[in-house]
Amino acid sequence: DEAMVGDATAYGRIVVLSMPAFIMQMMFQWFYTTAEKPELGTRMSILSGCINIALDALFVVVFQWGLTGAAIATSISIAVGGIFPLVFFSSKGNTTQLRFVQDPVMDWKSLGRTCTNGVSEFVGNIALNVVSIAYNLQLMKYIGENGVSAYGIIMYVGFIFAAVFIG
């Protein structure tokens, strides 16, 4: 309904500012694994989640900033998860073989093959999101906000089970 659209828009406008950091956080998960430090990626994800929880409590409950506070808390936690890998991989304390270098030699052919290799995952994610949007539209039409909320909860539970089984 209109209230939900307004809230989602307000939240989204704040969180979208942190999307570059979110992309870096997700991208660097693979780099942690390549650098033989997968536990560092897990720790950063957990730390980012804990920061989000703590800042949600501070901004929403203590400062009473409501939805705006929740969005700011989410953005800050995303920024921490996205900026830390930049610091880690560029620091002298990085003992892995994977690090930032000056004047890298680009292998454009390999880069092109890598990008085309990821197209199937890209299309799969697009399809999953289109289906999710369709579910939400139908749930909103027939059940309302409670249906969309229930679907969101089911999806989060599904993510947890998938993480356990894949991990």
N, C-alpha and C. Protein backbone atom coordinates (compact mmCIF):
# COMPACT_ATOMS: atom_id res chain seq x y z
N ASP A 1 0.84 -1.18 0.00
CA ASP A 1 0.00 0.00 0.00
C ASP A 1 0.89 1.24 0.00
N GLU A 2 0.27 2.38 0.06
CA GLU A 2 1.02 3.64 -0.04
C GLU A 2 2.03 3.82 1.09
N ALA A 3 1.66 3.43 2.30
CA ALA A 3 2.58 3.57 3.43
C ALA A 3 3.82 2.71 3.23
N MET A 4 3.61 1.48 2.75
CA MET A 4 4.74 0.57 2.54
C MET A 4 5.64 1.09 1.42
N VAL A 5 5.05 1.60 0.35
CA VAL A 5 5.83 2.13 -0.76
C VAL A 5 6.65 3.34 -0.30
N GLY A 6 6.03 4.20 0.49
CA GLY A 6 6.75 5.36 1.02
C GLY A 6 7.91 4.97 1.91
N ASP A 7 7.66 4.00 2.80
CA ASP A 7 8.72 3.53 3.69
C ASP A 7 9.85 2.86 2.91
N ALA A 8 9.48 2.01 1.96
CA ALA A 8 10.49 1.31 1.17
C ALA A 8 11.31 2.28 0.34
N THR A 9 10.67 3.30 -0.20
CA THR A 9 11.38 4.31 -0.99
C THR A 9 12.34 5.11 -0.12
N ALA A 10 11.87 5.52 1.06
CA ALA A 10 12.74 6.28 1.96
C ALA A 10 13.95 5.45 2.39
N TYR A 11 13.71 4.20 2.74
CA TYR A 11 14.79 3.30 3.15
C TYR A 11 15.75 3.07 1.98
N GLY A 12 15.19 2.80 0.81
CA GLY A 12 16.00 2.51 -0.36
C GLY A 12 16.86 3.68 -0.80
N ARG A 13 16.36 4.89 -0.67
CA ARG A 13 17.14 6.07 -1.07
C ARG A 13 18.39 6.24 -0.21
N ILE A 14 18.31 5.85 1.03
CA ILE A 14 19.48 5.95 1.91
C ILE A 14 20.43 4.79 1.65
N VAL A 15 19.90 3.58 1.59
CA VAL A 15 20.74 2.38 1.45
C VAL A 15 21.42 2.32 0.09
N VAL A 16 20.79 2.88 -0.95
CA VAL A 16 21.39 2.82 -2.29
C VAL A 16 22.75 3.54 -2.31
N LEU A 17 22.95 4.48 -1.43
CA LEU A 17 24.23 5.19 -1.37
C LEU A 17 25.37 4.26 -0.95
N SER A 18 25.04 3.20 -0.24
CA SER A 18 26.08 2.27 0.22
C SER A 18 26.29 1.09 -0.74
N MET A 19 25.61 1.09 -1.87
CA MET A 19 25.71 -0.04 -2.78
C MET A 19 27.11 -0.28 -3.34
N PRO A 20 27.91 0.76 -3.65
CA PRO A 20 29.29 0.47 -4.07
C PRO A 20 30.06 -0.32 -3.00
N ALA A 21 29.88 0.04 -1.75
CA ALA A 21 30.54 -0.71 -0.67
C ALA A 21 29.98 -2.12 -0.57
N PHE A 22 28.68 -2.28 -0.78
CA PHE A 22 28.07 -3.62 -0.75
C PHE A 22 28.64 -4.50 -1.87
N ILE A 23 28.78 -3.92 -3.05
CA ILE A 23 29.35 -4.66 -4.17
C ILE A 23 30.78 -5.08 -3.84
N MET A 24 31.55 -4.18 -3.25
CA MET A 24 32.93 -4.53 -2.86
C MET A 24 32.93 -5.63 -1.81
N GLN A 25 32.03 -5.53 -0.82
CA GLN A 25 31.97 -6.56 0.22
C GLN A 25 31.69 -7.92 -0.40
N MET A 26 30.74 -7.99 -1.32
CA MET A 26 30.40 -9.26 -1.94
C MET A 26 31.53 -9.75 -2.85
N MET A 27 32.13 -8.85 -3.60
CA MET A 27 33.21 -9.21 -4.52
C MET A 27 34.43 -9.73 -3.75
N PHE A 28 34.75 -9.07 -2.66
CA PHE A 28 35.95 -9.46 -1.92
C PHE A 28 35.78 -10.79 -1.19
N GLN A 29 34.56 -11.30 -1.06
CA GLN A 29 34.39 -12.63 -0.49
C GLN A 29 35.19 -13.65 -1.30
N TRP A 30 35.16 -13.51 -2.61
CA TRP A 30 35.92 -14.42 -3.48
C TRP A 30 37.42 -14.18 -3.32
N PHE A 31 37.82 -12.94 -3.14
CA PHE A 31 39.24 -12.64 -2.97
C PHE A 31 39.78 -13.22 -1.67
N TYR A 32 38.98 -13.16 -0.61
CA TYR A 32 39.40 -13.78 0.65
C TYR A 32 39.67 -15.27 0.44
N THR A 33 38.79 -15.94 -0.28
CA THR A 33 38.95 -17.37 -0.54
C THR A 33 40.19 -17.62 -1.40
N THR A 34 40.37 -16.81 -2.44
CA THR A 34 41.54 -16.95 -3.30
C THR A 34 42.83 -16.72 -2.52
N ALA A 35 42.79 -15.80 -1.56
CA ALA A 35 43.96 -15.50 -0.74
C ALA A 35 44.13 -16.50 0.40
N GLU A 36 43.31 -17.56 0.39
CA GLU A 36 43.34 -18.60 1.42
C GLU A 36 43.01 -18.05 2.81
N LYS A 37 42.09 -17.10 2.84
CA LYS A 37 41.60 -16.51 4.09
C LYS A 37 40.06 -16.47 4.11
N PRO A 38 39.40 -17.61 3.82
CA PRO A 38 37.93 -17.57 3.76
C PRO A 38 37.31 -17.20 5.11
N GLU A 39 37.99 -17.54 6.19
CA GLU A 39 37.45 -17.22 7.51
C GLU A 39 37.39 -15.71 7.74
N LEU A 40 38.28 -14.96 7.07
CA LEU A 40 38.26 -13.51 7.20
C LEU A 40 36.99 -12.93 6.59
N GLY A 41 36.56 -13.49 5.46
CA GLY A 41 35.30 -13.06 4.85
C GLY A 41 34.12 -13.36 5.75
N THR A 42 34.13 -14.53 6.36
CA THR A 42 33.05 -14.90 7.27
C THR A 42 33.03 -13.97 8.47
N ARG A 43 34.21 -13.71 9.02
CA ARG A 43 34.28 -12.81 10.18
C ARG A 43 33.80 -11.40 9.84
N MET A 44 34.16 -10.93 8.65
CA MET A 44 33.72 -9.58 8.26
C MET A 44 32.20 -9.54 8.07
N SER A 45 31.64 -10.61 7.51
CA SER A 45 30.18 -10.64 7.35
C SER A 45 29.48 -10.64 8.70
N ILE A 46 30.01 -11.43 9.63
CA ILE A 46 29.43 -11.47 10.98
C ILE A 46 29.60 -10.13 11.67
N LEU A 47 30.80 -9.54 11.55
CA LEU A 47 31.04 -8.24 12.17
C LEU A 47 30.11 -7.18 11.60
N SER A 48 29.94 -7.18 10.28
CA SER A 48 29.04 -6.20 9.65
C SER A 48 27.61 -6.38 10.16
N GLY A 49 27.17 -7.64 10.29
CA GLY A 49 25.84 -7.90 10.82
C GLY A 49 25.69 -7.43 12.26
N CYS A 50 26.71 -7.67 13.07
CA CYS A 50 26.66 -7.22 14.48
C CYS A 50 26.67 -5.70 14.57
N ILE A 51 27.45 -5.05 13.72
CA ILE A 51 27.45 -3.58 13.69
C ILE A 51 26.06 -3.07 13.32
N ASN A 52 25.45 -3.72 12.34
CA ASN A 52 24.10 -3.33 11.94
C ASN A 52 23.12 -3.47 13.09
N ILE A 53 23.19 -4.58 13.81
CA ILE A 53 22.28 -4.80 14.94
C ILE A 53 22.50 -3.74 16.02
N ALA A 54 23.76 -3.50 16.36
CA ALA A 54 24.07 -2.51 17.41
C ALA A 54 23.63 -1.11 17.01
N LEU A 55 23.92 -0.74 15.75
CA LEU A 55 23.53 0.60 15.31
C LEU A 55 22.02 0.72 15.15
N ASP A 56 21.34 -0.37 14.76
CA ASP A 56 19.87 -0.35 14.73
C ASP A 56 19.32 -0.03 16.11
N ALA A 57 19.86 -0.71 17.11
CA ALA A 57 19.39 -0.46 18.48
C ALA A 57 19.67 0.99 18.88
N LEU A 58 20.84 1.48 18.55
CA LEU A 58 21.20 2.85 18.92
C LEU A 58 20.34 3.87 18.17
N PHE A 59 20.28 3.75 16.86
CA PHE A 59 19.60 4.76 16.05
C PHE A 59 18.07 4.68 16.16
N VAL A 60 17.53 3.47 16.22
CA VAL A 60 16.07 3.32 16.22
C VAL A 60 15.51 3.44 17.64
N VAL A 61 16.12 2.76 18.60
CA VAL A 61 15.58 2.73 19.95
C VAL A 61 16.03 3.94 20.77
N VAL A 62 17.33 4.19 20.80
CA VAL A 62 17.85 5.26 21.66
C VAL A 62 17.59 6.64 21.05
N PHE A 63 18.02 6.84 19.79
CA PHE A 63 17.85 8.15 19.15
C PHE A 63 16.46 8.34 18.55
N GLN A 64 15.70 7.24 18.42
CA GLN A 64 14.35 7.25 17.86
C GLN A 64 14.29 7.87 16.46
N TRP A 65 15.23 7.44 15.60
CA TRP A 65 15.27 7.92 14.22
C TRP A 65 14.38 7.08 13.30
N GLY A 66 13.81 6.01 13.83
CA GLY A 66 12.89 5.19 13.04
C GLY A 66 13.53 4.54 11.84
N LEU A 67 12.78 4.52 10.75
CA LEU A 67 13.22 3.86 9.52
C LEU A 67 14.50 4.51 8.96
N THR A 68 14.61 5.80 9.09
CA THR A 68 15.82 6.49 8.63
C THR A 68 17.03 6.00 9.40
N GLY A 69 16.89 5.84 10.69
CA GLY A 69 17.99 5.31 11.51
C GLY A 69 18.36 3.90 11.12
N ALA A 70 17.36 3.07 10.82
CA ALA A 70 17.64 1.70 10.39
C ALA A 70 18.39 1.69 9.07
N ALA A 71 18.02 2.57 8.16
CA ALA A 71 18.71 2.64 6.87
C ALA A 71 20.14 3.14 7.04
N ILE A 72 20.35 4.11 7.90
CA ILE A 72 21.70 4.61 8.15
C ILE A 72 22.55 3.53 8.80
N ALA A 73 21.98 2.79 9.73
CA ALA A 73 22.71 1.69 10.38
C ALA A 73 23.12 0.64 9.36
N THR A 74 22.21 0.29 8.48
CA THR A 74 22.51 -0.69 7.43
C THR A 74 23.62 -0.17 6.53
N SER A 75 23.54 1.08 6.14
CA SER A 75 24.56 1.67 5.26
C SER A 75 25.94 1.69 5.90
N ILE A 76 26.00 2.03 7.18
CA ILE A 76 27.28 2.05 7.88
C ILE A 76 27.87 0.65 7.97
N SER A 77 27.04 -0.33 8.31
CA SER A 77 27.55 -1.70 8.42
C SER A 77 28.02 -2.22 7.07
N ILE A 78 27.33 -1.86 6.01
CA ILE A 78 27.76 -2.24 4.66
C ILE A 78 29.10 -1.58 4.32
N ALA A 79 29.23 -0.31 4.68
CA ALA A 79 30.47 0.41 4.39
C ALA A 79 31.66 -0.23 5.10
N VAL A 80 31.47 -0.65 6.34
CA VAL A 80 32.56 -1.32 7.07
C VAL A 80 32.99 -2.59 6.33
N GLY A 81 32.00 -3.39 5.92
CA GLY A 81 32.30 -4.63 5.21
C GLY A 81 32.92 -4.41 3.85
N GLY A 82 32.67 -3.27 3.23
CA GLY A 82 33.23 -2.98 1.91
C GLY A 82 34.56 -2.28 1.94
N ILE A 83 34.81 -1.51 2.97
CA ILE A 83 36.07 -0.76 3.06
C ILE A 83 37.19 -1.59 3.68
N PHE A 84 36.86 -2.47 4.63
CA PHE A 84 37.89 -3.27 5.28
C PHE A 84 38.76 -4.04 4.28
N PRO A 85 38.18 -4.72 3.27
CA PRO A 85 39.04 -5.47 2.35
C PRO A 85 40.02 -4.58 1.59
N LEU A 86 39.60 -3.35 1.27
CA LEU A 86 40.53 -2.43 0.61
C LEU A 86 41.73 -2.16 1.50
N VAL A 87 41.46 -1.96 2.78
CA VAL A 87 42.55 -1.71 3.73
C VAL A 87 43.40 -2.97 3.88
N PHE A 88 42.75 -4.12 4.02
CA PHE A 88 43.49 -5.37 4.24
C PHE A 88 44.40 -5.71 3.07
N PHE A 89 43.86 -5.70 1.84
CA PHE A 89 44.65 -6.11 0.69
C PHE A 89 45.70 -5.09 0.27
N SER A 90 45.61 -3.86 0.75
CA SER A 90 46.63 -2.86 0.43
C SER A 90 47.62 -2.64 1.57
N SER A 91 47.40 -3.29 2.72
CA SER A 91 48.28 -3.06 3.86
C SER A 91 49.53 -3.92 3.80
N LYS A 92 50.55 -3.48 4.50
CA LYS A 92 51.79 -4.25 4.60
C LYS A 92 51.59 -5.48 5.47
N GLY A 93 50.56 -5.48 6.30
CA GLY A 93 50.25 -6.63 7.15
C GLY A 93 49.63 -7.80 6.40
N ASN A 94 49.29 -7.59 5.15
CA ASN A 94 48.72 -8.65 4.33
C ASN A 94 49.84 -9.62 3.94
N THR A 95 49.79 -10.82 4.50
CA THR A 95 50.83 -11.81 4.23
C THR A 95 50.46 -12.76 3.10
N THR A 96 49.31 -12.55 2.48
CA THR A 96 48.90 -13.43 1.38
C THR A 96 49.59 -13.01 0.09
N GLN A 97 49.49 -13.85 -0.92
CA GLN A 97 50.07 -13.51 -2.22
C GLN A 97 49.16 -12.62 -3.05
N LEU A 98 47.94 -12.44 -2.57
CA LEU A 98 46.97 -11.60 -3.28
C LEU A 98 47.01 -10.20 -2.68
N ARG A 99 47.41 -9.24 -3.48
CA ARG A 99 47.51 -7.86 -3.00
C ARG A 99 47.34 -6.90 -4.17
N PHE A 100 47.10 -5.65 -3.86
CA PHE A 100 47.02 -4.63 -4.90
C PHE A 100 48.43 -4.33 -5.38
N VAL A 101 48.56 -4.09 -6.66
CA VAL A 101 49.88 -3.76 -7.23
C VAL A 101 49.77 -2.47 -8.01
N GLN A 102 50.91 -1.79 -8.15
CA GLN A 102 50.94 -0.60 -8.97
C GLN A 102 51.22 -1.01 -10.41
N ASP A 103 50.63 -0.34 -11.35
CA ASP A 103 50.82 -0.60 -12.77
C ASP A 103 50.62 -2.07 -13.14
N PRO A 104 49.45 -2.63 -12.88
CA PRO A 104 49.23 -4.04 -13.22
C PRO A 104 49.21 -4.24 -14.74
N VAL A 105 49.67 -5.40 -15.18
CA VAL A 105 49.59 -5.77 -16.58
C VAL A 105 48.23 -6.44 -16.79
N MET A 106 47.42 -5.86 -17.66
CA MET A 106 46.07 -6.38 -17.87
C MET A 106 46.07 -7.44 -18.96
N ASP A 107 45.51 -8.59 -18.65
CA ASP A 107 45.30 -9.65 -19.63
C ASP A 107 43.85 -9.55 -20.07
N TRP A 108 43.60 -8.73 -21.08
CA TRP A 108 42.24 -8.40 -21.50
C TRP A 108 41.50 -9.62 -22.01
N LYS A 109 42.20 -10.55 -22.64
CA LYS A 109 41.55 -11.76 -23.15
C LYS A 109 41.00 -12.60 -21.99
N SER A 110 41.80 -12.79 -20.95
CA SER A 110 41.35 -13.55 -19.78
C SER A 110 40.22 -12.82 -19.06
N LEU A 111 40.32 -11.50 -18.99
CA LEU A 111 39.26 -10.72 -18.35
C LEU A 111 37.95 -10.86 -19.11
N GLY A 112 38.02 -10.84 -20.44
CA GLY A 112 36.82 -11.03 -21.26
C GLY A 112 36.20 -12.41 -21.06
N ARG A 113 37.05 -13.45 -21.01
CA ARG A 113 36.54 -14.81 -20.78
C ARG A 113 35.90 -14.91 -19.39
N THR A 114 36.50 -14.26 -18.41
CA THR A 114 35.96 -14.28 -17.06
C THR A 114 34.57 -13.63 -17.03
N CYS A 115 34.44 -12.51 -17.71
CA CYS A 115 33.15 -11.82 -17.73
C CYS A 115 32.08 -12.65 -18.43
N THR A 116 32.43 -13.28 -19.55
CA THR A 116 31.43 -14.09 -20.25
C THR A 116 31.10 -15.34 -19.45
N ASN A 117 32.04 -15.85 -18.68
CA ASN A 117 31.77 -17.01 -17.84
C ASN A 117 30.72 -16.70 -16.78
N GLY A 118 30.66 -15.46 -16.32
CA GLY A 118 29.72 -15.08 -15.27
C GLY A 118 28.34 -14.70 -15.77
N VAL A 119 28.12 -14.73 -17.07
CA VAL A 119 26.83 -14.32 -17.63
C VAL A 119 25.71 -15.24 -17.14
N SER A 120 25.98 -16.54 -17.04
CA SER A 120 24.90 -17.45 -16.61
C SER A 120 24.44 -17.13 -15.19
N GLU A 121 25.37 -16.82 -14.29
CA GLU A 121 24.99 -16.44 -12.93
C GLU A 121 24.22 -15.12 -12.92
N PHE A 122 24.64 -14.20 -13.80
CA PHE A 122 23.96 -12.91 -13.92
C PHE A 122 22.51 -13.11 -14.34
N VAL A 123 22.31 -13.91 -15.39
CA VAL A 123 20.96 -14.16 -15.89
C VAL A 123 20.13 -14.90 -14.83
N GLY A 124 20.75 -15.85 -14.13
CA GLY A 124 20.05 -16.57 -13.06
C GLY A 124 19.58 -15.65 -11.96
N ASN A 125 20.44 -14.70 -11.56
CA ASN A 125 20.06 -13.74 -10.52
C ASN A 125 18.96 -12.81 -11.00
N ILE A 126 19.04 -12.38 -12.24
CA ILE A 126 17.98 -11.52 -12.79
C ILE A 126 16.64 -12.28 -12.75
N ALA A 127 16.65 -13.53 -13.19
CA ALA A 127 15.42 -14.33 -13.21
C ALA A 127 14.87 -14.50 -11.80
N LEU A 128 15.75 -14.79 -10.84
CA LEU A 128 15.31 -14.95 -9.45
C LEU A 128 14.66 -13.67 -8.93
N ASN A 129 15.22 -12.53 -9.26
CA ASN A 129 14.66 -11.27 -8.80
C ASN A 129 13.34 -10.94 -9.48
N VAL A 130 13.21 -11.28 -10.76
CA VAL A 130 11.93 -11.05 -11.45
C VAL A 130 10.84 -11.90 -10.81
N VAL A 131 11.16 -13.16 -10.51
CA VAL A 131 10.20 -14.04 -9.85
C VAL A 131 9.83 -13.50 -8.47
N SER A 132 10.83 -13.02 -7.74
CA SER A 132 10.58 -12.46 -6.40
C SER A 132 9.66 -11.24 -6.49
N ILE A 133 9.88 -10.39 -7.46
CA ILE A 133 9.01 -9.22 -7.66
C ILE A 133 7.59 -9.67 -7.98
N ALA A 134 7.46 -10.67 -8.84
CA ALA A 134 6.14 -11.19 -9.20
C ALA A 134 5.43 -11.76 -7.97
N TYR A 135 6.16 -12.54 -7.15
CA TYR A 135 5.57 -13.07 -5.91
C TYR A 135 5.08 -11.93 -5.03
N ASN A 136 5.93 -10.93 -4.83
CA ASN A 136 5.55 -9.82 -3.95
C ASN A 136 4.33 -9.08 -4.47
N LEU A 137 4.26 -8.87 -5.78
CA LEU A 137 3.10 -8.18 -6.35
C LEU A 137 1.82 -8.98 -6.13
N GLN A 138 1.89 -10.29 -6.34
CA GLN A 138 0.71 -11.14 -6.15
C GLN A 138 0.34 -11.23 -4.67
N LEU A 139 1.34 -11.36 -3.81
CA LEU A 139 1.04 -11.41 -2.38
C LEU A 139 0.41 -10.11 -1.90
N MET A 140 0.91 -8.99 -2.40
CA MET A 140 0.34 -7.70 -2.01
C MET A 140 -1.10 -7.60 -2.50
N LYS A 141 -1.35 -8.10 -3.70
CA LYS A 141 -2.70 -8.03 -4.29
C LYS A 141 -3.70 -8.89 -3.51
N TYR A 142 -3.31 -10.12 -3.15
CA TYR A 142 -4.25 -11.05 -2.55
C TYR A 142 -4.23 -11.09 -1.03
N ILE A 143 -3.08 -10.83 -0.42
CA ILE A 143 -2.98 -10.97 1.04
C ILE A 143 -2.64 -9.64 1.71
N GLY A 144 -1.86 -8.80 1.04
CA GLY A 144 -1.48 -7.53 1.61
C GLY A 144 -0.09 -7.57 2.25
N GLU A 145 0.14 -6.62 3.13
CA GLU A 145 1.46 -6.47 3.76
C GLU A 145 1.88 -7.72 4.52
N ASN A 146 0.95 -8.38 5.17
CA ASN A 146 1.30 -9.59 5.92
C ASN A 146 1.84 -10.69 5.01
N GLY A 147 1.29 -10.80 3.81
CA GLY A 147 1.79 -11.79 2.85
C GLY A 147 3.20 -11.49 2.40
N VAL A 148 3.47 -10.22 2.13
CA VAL A 148 4.82 -9.81 1.71
C VAL A 148 5.80 -10.03 2.86
N SER A 149 5.38 -9.70 4.06
CA SER A 149 6.25 -9.91 5.23
C SER A 149 6.53 -11.39 5.44
N ALA A 150 5.51 -12.22 5.31
CA ALA A 150 5.70 -13.66 5.47
C ALA A 150 6.66 -14.20 4.42
N TYR A 151 6.51 -13.74 3.18
CA TYR A 151 7.40 -14.17 2.11
C TYR A 151 8.84 -13.75 2.42
N GLY A 152 9.02 -12.54 2.93
CA GLY A 152 10.36 -12.07 3.30
C GLY A 152 10.98 -12.95 4.37
N ILE A 153 10.19 -13.32 5.36
CA ILE A 153 10.70 -14.19 6.43
C ILE A 153 11.07 -15.56 5.87
N ILE A 154 10.22 -16.10 5.01
CA ILE A 154 10.51 -17.40 4.40
C ILE A 154 11.80 -17.33 3.59
N MET A 155 12.00 -16.25 2.85
CA MET A 155 13.22 -16.10 2.05
C MET A 155 14.45 -16.04 2.94
N TYR A 156 14.39 -15.29 4.05
CA TYR A 156 15.54 -15.22 4.96
C TYR A 156 15.85 -16.58 5.59
N VAL A 157 14.83 -17.30 5.96
CA VAL A 157 15.04 -18.65 6.51
C VAL A 157 15.67 -19.54 5.44
N GLY A 158 15.19 -19.40 4.21
CA GLY A 158 15.76 -20.16 3.10
C GLY A 158 17.23 -19.83 2.88
N PHE A 159 17.60 -18.54 3.01
CA PHE A 159 19.00 -18.14 2.86
C PHE A 159 19.86 -18.79 3.94
N ILE A 160 19.33 -18.84 5.16
CA ILE A 160 20.08 -19.44 6.26
C ILE A 160 20.32 -20.92 6.00
N PHE A 161 19.26 -21.64 5.60
CA PHE A 161 19.42 -23.06 5.30
C PHE A 161 20.39 -23.27 4.14
N ALA A 162 20.28 -22.45 3.11
CA ALA A 162 21.18 -22.58 1.96
C ALA A 162 22.63 -22.34 2.39
N ALA A 163 22.85 -21.33 3.23
CA ALA A 163 24.21 -21.05 3.71
C ALA A 163 24.78 -22.24 4.50
N VAL A 164 23.94 -22.84 5.32
CA VAL A 164 24.39 -23.99 6.11
C VAL A 164 24.72 -25.17 5.19
N PHE A 165 23.84 -25.46 4.26
CA PHE A 165 24.05 -26.62 3.39
C PHE A 165 25.19 -26.40 2.39
N ILE A 166 25.31 -25.18 1.85
CA ILE A 166 26.39 -24.90 0.91
C ILE A 166 27.72 -24.84 1.66
N GLY A 167 27.70 -24.21 2.84
CA GLY A 167 28.91 -24.06 3.63
C GLY A 167 29.43 -25.37 4.12
